[in-house]
Amino acid sequence: MPKVTISVPHQLGREEARRRIDELASHLQSQSGSLLKGVEQHWDGDTLHFVVGAAGQSISGTAHVAEQTVNLEIALPWMLSLLAGTVKKQVEQQARDLLGHRPG
């Protein structure tokens, strides 16, 4: 399976970045329905392991949360590997939006 690797810098600190990622993962899990066919996740220290079923395919990966970066590694099934560039761009933009500073 081809892998997409993304490193997203942030200024939130490890705990806040992890909280935001956990919040998003929980939201995706509760929203699984017609598009998403199941979201599985578990934390191992500061690394989130996840599996998402979508469009009859299974996408797995990890998100390692560090003090100033989040490193994502996503394994794409062969059918989606043709869209790896698009997937990387979309995930990177969403991660930057998620980890950006929110007005407070």
N, C-alpha and C. Protein backbone atom coordinates (compact mmCIF):
# COMPACT_ATOMS: atom_id res chain seq x y z
N MET A 1 0.84 -1.19 0.00
CA MET A 1 0.00 0.00 0.00
C MET A 1 0.87 1.25 0.00
N PRO A 2 0.60 2.17 -0.87
CA PRO A 2 1.34 3.44 -0.87
C PRO A 2 1.04 4.22 0.40
N LYS A 3 2.05 4.94 0.87
CA LYS A 3 1.89 5.74 2.08
C LYS A 3 2.03 7.21 1.75
N VAL A 4 1.18 7.99 2.41
CA VAL A 4 1.25 9.44 2.33
C VAL A 4 1.78 9.92 3.68
N THR A 5 2.83 10.72 3.66
CA THR A 5 3.42 11.23 4.89
C THR A 5 3.28 12.75 4.90
N ILE A 6 2.78 13.26 6.02
CA ILE A 6 2.54 14.70 6.16
C ILE A 6 3.05 15.14 7.52
N SER A 7 3.76 16.25 7.56
CA SER A 7 4.20 16.85 8.82
C SER A 7 3.58 18.24 8.91
N VAL A 8 2.82 18.46 9.97
CA VAL A 8 2.11 19.73 10.14
C VAL A 8 2.64 20.44 11.38
N PRO A 9 3.28 21.60 11.22
CA PRO A 9 3.75 22.34 12.39
C PRO A 9 2.58 23.01 13.11
N HIS A 10 2.74 23.20 14.40
CA HIS A 10 1.73 23.91 15.18
C HIS A 10 2.39 24.60 16.36
N GLN A 11 1.66 25.49 17.01
CA GLN A 11 2.16 26.21 18.18
C GLN A 11 1.25 25.99 19.37
N LEU A 12 0.56 24.85 19.39
CA LEU A 12 -0.45 24.59 20.41
C LEU A 12 0.10 23.88 21.64
N GLY A 13 1.22 23.24 21.50
CA GLY A 13 1.69 22.35 22.55
C GLY A 13 1.08 20.97 22.34
N ARG A 14 1.71 19.97 22.88
CA ARG A 14 1.30 18.59 22.67
C ARG A 14 -0.12 18.32 23.16
N GLU A 15 -0.46 18.78 24.35
CA GLU A 15 -1.77 18.46 24.93
C GLU A 15 -2.93 19.04 24.12
N GLU A 16 -2.84 20.30 23.71
CA GLU A 16 -3.93 20.93 22.96
C GLU A 16 -4.04 20.31 21.57
N ALA A 17 -2.91 20.04 20.92
CA ALA A 17 -2.95 19.40 19.60
C ALA A 17 -3.61 18.02 19.72
N ARG A 18 -3.24 17.28 20.74
CA ARG A 18 -3.83 15.95 20.92
C ARG A 18 -5.33 16.06 21.20
N ARG A 19 -5.73 17.04 22.01
CA ARG A 19 -7.15 17.23 22.32
C ARG A 19 -7.95 17.51 21.05
N ARG A 20 -7.42 18.38 20.18
CA ARG A 20 -8.13 18.72 18.94
C ARG A 20 -8.23 17.50 18.01
N ILE A 21 -7.18 16.74 17.92
CA ILE A 21 -7.20 15.54 17.07
C ILE A 21 -8.19 14.53 17.63
N ASP A 22 -8.18 14.35 18.93
CA ASP A 22 -9.09 13.41 19.57
C ASP A 22 -10.55 13.84 19.36
N GLU A 23 -10.79 15.14 19.46
CA GLU A 23 -12.13 15.69 19.24
C GLU A 23 -12.59 15.41 17.81
N LEU A 24 -11.72 15.62 16.84
CA LEU A 24 -12.06 15.36 15.44
C LEU A 24 -12.31 13.87 15.22
N ALA A 25 -11.46 13.02 15.77
CA ALA A 25 -11.62 11.57 15.60
C ALA A 25 -12.94 11.11 16.20
N SER A 26 -13.29 11.63 17.36
CA SER A 26 -14.56 11.26 17.99
C SER A 26 -15.74 11.75 17.15
N HIS A 27 -15.62 12.94 16.58
CA HIS A 27 -16.67 13.48 15.72
C HIS A 27 -16.85 12.60 14.48
N LEU A 28 -15.75 12.20 13.86
CA LEU A 28 -15.83 11.33 12.69
C LEU A 28 -16.47 10.00 13.04
N GLN A 29 -16.12 9.48 14.22
CA GLN A 29 -16.68 8.21 14.65
C GLN A 29 -18.19 8.31 14.82
N SER A 30 -18.66 9.41 15.39
CA SER A 30 -20.09 9.58 15.60
C SER A 30 -20.83 9.88 14.29
N GLN A 31 -20.12 10.41 13.28
CA GLN A 31 -20.74 10.77 12.02
C GLN A 31 -20.70 9.65 10.99
N SER A 32 -20.04 8.53 11.33
CA SER A 32 -19.95 7.47 10.32
C SER A 32 -21.34 7.02 9.94
N GLY A 33 -21.58 6.96 8.67
CA GLY A 33 -22.90 6.62 8.14
C GLY A 33 -22.76 6.21 6.70
N SER A 34 -23.38 6.96 5.81
CA SER A 34 -23.40 6.56 4.41
C SER A 34 -22.02 6.66 3.75
N LEU A 35 -21.24 7.68 4.08
CA LEU A 35 -19.93 7.84 3.45
C LEU A 35 -18.86 7.03 4.18
N LEU A 36 -18.80 7.19 5.49
CA LEU A 36 -17.81 6.46 6.28
C LEU A 36 -18.45 5.20 6.85
N LYS A 37 -17.80 4.08 6.64
CA LYS A 37 -18.32 2.80 7.12
C LYS A 37 -17.49 2.32 8.30
N GLY A 38 -17.41 3.13 9.30
CA GLY A 38 -16.70 2.74 10.50
C GLY A 38 -15.39 3.48 10.67
N VAL A 39 -15.19 3.96 11.85
CA VAL A 39 -13.94 4.62 12.22
C VAL A 39 -13.46 3.94 13.49
N GLU A 40 -12.28 3.39 13.45
CA GLU A 40 -11.68 2.77 14.63
C GLU A 40 -10.46 3.59 14.99
N GLN A 41 -10.25 3.78 16.28
CA GLN A 41 -9.10 4.56 16.73
C GLN A 41 -8.67 4.11 18.11
N HIS A 42 -7.39 4.26 18.37
CA HIS A 42 -6.88 4.09 19.73
C HIS A 42 -5.54 4.82 19.85
N TRP A 43 -5.32 5.34 21.04
CA TRP A 43 -4.08 6.05 21.34
C TRP A 43 -3.08 5.10 21.96
N ASP A 44 -1.84 5.23 21.56
CA ASP A 44 -0.71 4.54 22.18
C ASP A 44 0.29 5.63 22.52
N GLY A 45 0.22 6.11 23.76
CA GLY A 45 1.03 7.28 24.12
C GLY A 45 0.55 8.49 23.35
N ASP A 46 1.44 9.12 22.61
CA ASP A 46 1.09 10.31 21.82
C ASP A 46 0.85 9.98 20.36
N THR A 47 0.59 8.72 20.06
CA THR A 47 0.33 8.31 18.68
C THR A 47 -1.09 7.74 18.56
N LEU A 48 -1.86 8.35 17.67
CA LEU A 48 -3.20 7.87 17.38
C LEU A 48 -3.11 6.90 16.20
N HIS A 49 -3.61 5.69 16.40
CA HIS A 49 -3.71 4.69 15.33
C HIS A 49 -5.17 4.70 14.88
N PHE A 50 -5.39 4.74 13.57
CA PHE A 50 -6.77 4.80 13.08
C PHE A 50 -6.97 3.96 11.84
N VAL A 51 -8.22 3.54 11.65
CA VAL A 51 -8.66 2.84 10.45
C VAL A 51 -10.02 3.43 10.10
N VAL A 52 -10.17 3.84 8.85
CA VAL A 52 -11.42 4.42 8.38
C VAL A 52 -11.87 3.63 7.15
N GLY A 53 -13.12 3.20 7.16
CA GLY A 53 -13.68 2.54 5.98
C GLY A 53 -14.44 3.58 5.18
N ALA A 54 -14.11 3.68 3.89
CA ALA A 54 -14.80 4.64 3.03
C ALA A 54 -14.81 4.10 1.60
N ALA A 55 -15.94 4.23 0.95
CA ALA A 55 -16.09 3.81 -0.45
C ALA A 55 -15.63 2.38 -0.67
N GLY A 56 -15.91 1.51 0.28
CA GLY A 56 -15.55 0.11 0.15
C GLY A 56 -14.08 -0.17 0.36
N GLN A 57 -13.34 0.82 0.79
CA GLN A 57 -11.90 0.69 1.01
C GLN A 57 -11.57 0.95 2.48
N SER A 58 -10.42 0.48 2.90
CA SER A 58 -9.97 0.71 4.27
C SER A 58 -8.70 1.55 4.23
N ILE A 59 -8.74 2.67 4.94
CA ILE A 59 -7.59 3.58 5.02
C ILE A 59 -7.10 3.54 6.46
N SER A 60 -5.81 3.26 6.64
CA SER A 60 -5.26 3.20 8.00
C SER A 60 -4.09 4.15 8.11
N GLY A 61 -3.75 4.47 9.35
CA GLY A 61 -2.61 5.35 9.53
C GLY A 61 -2.37 5.68 10.99
N THR A 62 -1.42 6.59 11.17
CA THR A 62 -1.07 7.07 12.50
C THR A 62 -0.92 8.58 12.46
N ALA A 63 -1.14 9.19 13.61
CA ALA A 63 -0.89 10.61 13.80
C ALA A 63 -0.07 10.72 15.08
N HIS A 64 1.21 11.05 14.95
CA HIS A 64 2.08 11.20 16.12
C HIS A 64 2.12 12.67 16.50
N VAL A 65 1.73 12.96 17.74
CA VAL A 65 1.66 14.34 18.23
C VAL A 65 2.92 14.66 19.01
N ALA A 66 3.66 15.64 18.52
CA ALA A 66 4.84 16.15 19.22
C ALA A 66 4.55 17.57 19.70
N GLU A 67 5.47 18.15 20.41
CA GLU A 67 5.25 19.48 21.00
C GLU A 67 4.97 20.56 19.95
N GLN A 68 5.62 20.47 18.76
CA GLN A 68 5.44 21.51 17.74
C GLN A 68 5.07 20.98 16.37
N THR A 69 4.85 19.67 16.24
CA THR A 69 4.45 19.10 14.96
C THR A 69 3.52 17.91 15.19
N VAL A 70 2.72 17.64 14.17
CA VAL A 70 1.96 16.39 14.11
C VAL A 70 2.40 15.71 12.83
N ASN A 71 2.86 14.48 12.96
CA ASN A 71 3.32 13.71 11.82
C ASN A 71 2.30 12.64 11.49
N LEU A 72 1.74 12.73 10.30
CA LEU A 72 0.72 11.78 9.84
C LEU A 72 1.34 10.82 8.83
N GLU A 73 0.96 9.57 8.95
CA GLU A 73 1.33 8.57 7.95
C GLU A 73 0.06 7.81 7.62
N ILE A 74 -0.34 7.85 6.36
CA ILE A 74 -1.61 7.26 5.93
C ILE A 74 -1.33 6.24 4.83
N ALA A 75 -1.80 5.01 5.04
CA ALA A 75 -1.66 3.95 4.05
C ALA A 75 -2.91 3.94 3.18
N LEU A 76 -2.73 4.13 1.89
CA LEU A 76 -3.85 4.16 0.96
C LEU A 76 -3.97 2.83 0.22
N PRO A 77 -5.19 2.32 0.09
CA PRO A 77 -5.37 1.13 -0.74
C PRO A 77 -5.08 1.48 -2.20
N TRP A 78 -4.80 0.46 -3.00
CA TRP A 78 -4.35 0.71 -4.37
C TRP A 78 -5.34 1.54 -5.17
N MET A 79 -6.64 1.38 -4.94
CA MET A 79 -7.63 2.16 -5.70
C MET A 79 -7.51 3.65 -5.44
N LEU A 80 -7.15 4.00 -4.22
CA LEU A 80 -7.04 5.42 -3.87
C LEU A 80 -5.62 5.95 -4.09
N SER A 81 -4.66 5.06 -4.35
CA SER A 81 -3.28 5.50 -4.53
C SER A 81 -3.15 6.42 -5.75
N LEU A 82 -4.04 6.27 -6.72
CA LEU A 82 -4.01 7.15 -7.88
C LEU A 82 -4.33 8.59 -7.51
N LEU A 83 -5.00 8.75 -6.38
CA LEU A 83 -5.37 10.09 -5.90
C LEU A 83 -4.48 10.55 -4.75
N ALA A 84 -3.32 9.93 -4.58
CA ALA A 84 -2.45 10.22 -3.43
C ALA A 84 -2.12 11.71 -3.31
N GLY A 85 -1.82 12.37 -4.41
CA GLY A 85 -1.49 13.80 -4.37
C GLY A 85 -2.67 14.63 -3.88
N THR A 86 -3.85 14.33 -4.36
CA THR A 86 -5.05 15.04 -3.94
C THR A 86 -5.37 14.75 -2.49
N VAL A 87 -5.26 13.48 -2.10
CA VAL A 87 -5.52 13.10 -0.70
C VAL A 87 -4.55 13.83 0.22
N LYS A 88 -3.27 13.85 -0.14
CA LYS A 88 -2.27 14.52 0.69
C LYS A 88 -2.59 16.00 0.85
N LYS A 89 -2.94 16.66 -0.25
CA LYS A 89 -3.25 18.09 -0.21
C LYS A 89 -4.46 18.37 0.69
N GLN A 90 -5.52 17.56 0.54
CA GLN A 90 -6.74 17.75 1.32
C GLN A 90 -6.49 17.51 2.81
N VAL A 91 -5.81 16.40 3.13
CA VAL A 91 -5.55 16.07 4.54
C VAL A 91 -4.65 17.13 5.16
N GLU A 92 -3.63 17.56 4.43
CA GLU A 92 -2.72 18.58 4.95
C GLU A 92 -3.45 19.89 5.23
N GLN A 93 -4.34 20.30 4.34
CA GLN A 93 -5.10 21.54 4.56
C GLN A 93 -6.03 21.41 5.77
N GLN A 94 -6.70 20.29 5.88
CA GLN A 94 -7.60 20.09 7.03
C GLN A 94 -6.81 20.03 8.34
N ALA A 95 -5.63 19.41 8.31
CA ALA A 95 -4.80 19.34 9.51
C ALA A 95 -4.32 20.73 9.90
N ARG A 96 -3.92 21.52 8.91
CA ARG A 96 -3.47 22.90 9.21
C ARG A 96 -4.63 23.72 9.78
N ASP A 97 -5.82 23.55 9.22
CA ASP A 97 -6.99 24.27 9.76
C ASP A 97 -7.27 23.83 11.19
N LEU A 98 -7.21 22.53 11.45
CA LEU A 98 -7.49 21.99 12.78
C LEU A 98 -6.48 22.47 13.81
N LEU A 99 -5.21 22.55 13.41
CA LEU A 99 -4.15 22.86 14.37
C LEU A 99 -3.78 24.33 14.39
N GLY A 100 -4.47 25.15 13.57
CA GLY A 100 -4.22 26.59 13.58
C GLY A 100 -4.80 27.20 14.84
N HIS A 101 -4.37 28.41 15.12
CA HIS A 101 -4.89 29.09 16.30
C HIS A 101 -6.33 29.51 16.06
N ARG A 102 -7.15 29.21 17.00
CA ARG A 102 -8.56 29.62 16.92
C ARG A 102 -8.72 30.93 17.69
N PRO A 103 -9.49 31.85 17.13
CA PRO A 103 -9.70 33.11 17.85
C PRO A 103 -10.37 32.84 19.19
N GLY A 104 -9.92 33.54 20.17
CA GLY A 104 -10.38 33.16 21.43
C GLY A 104 -11.09 33.89 22.36
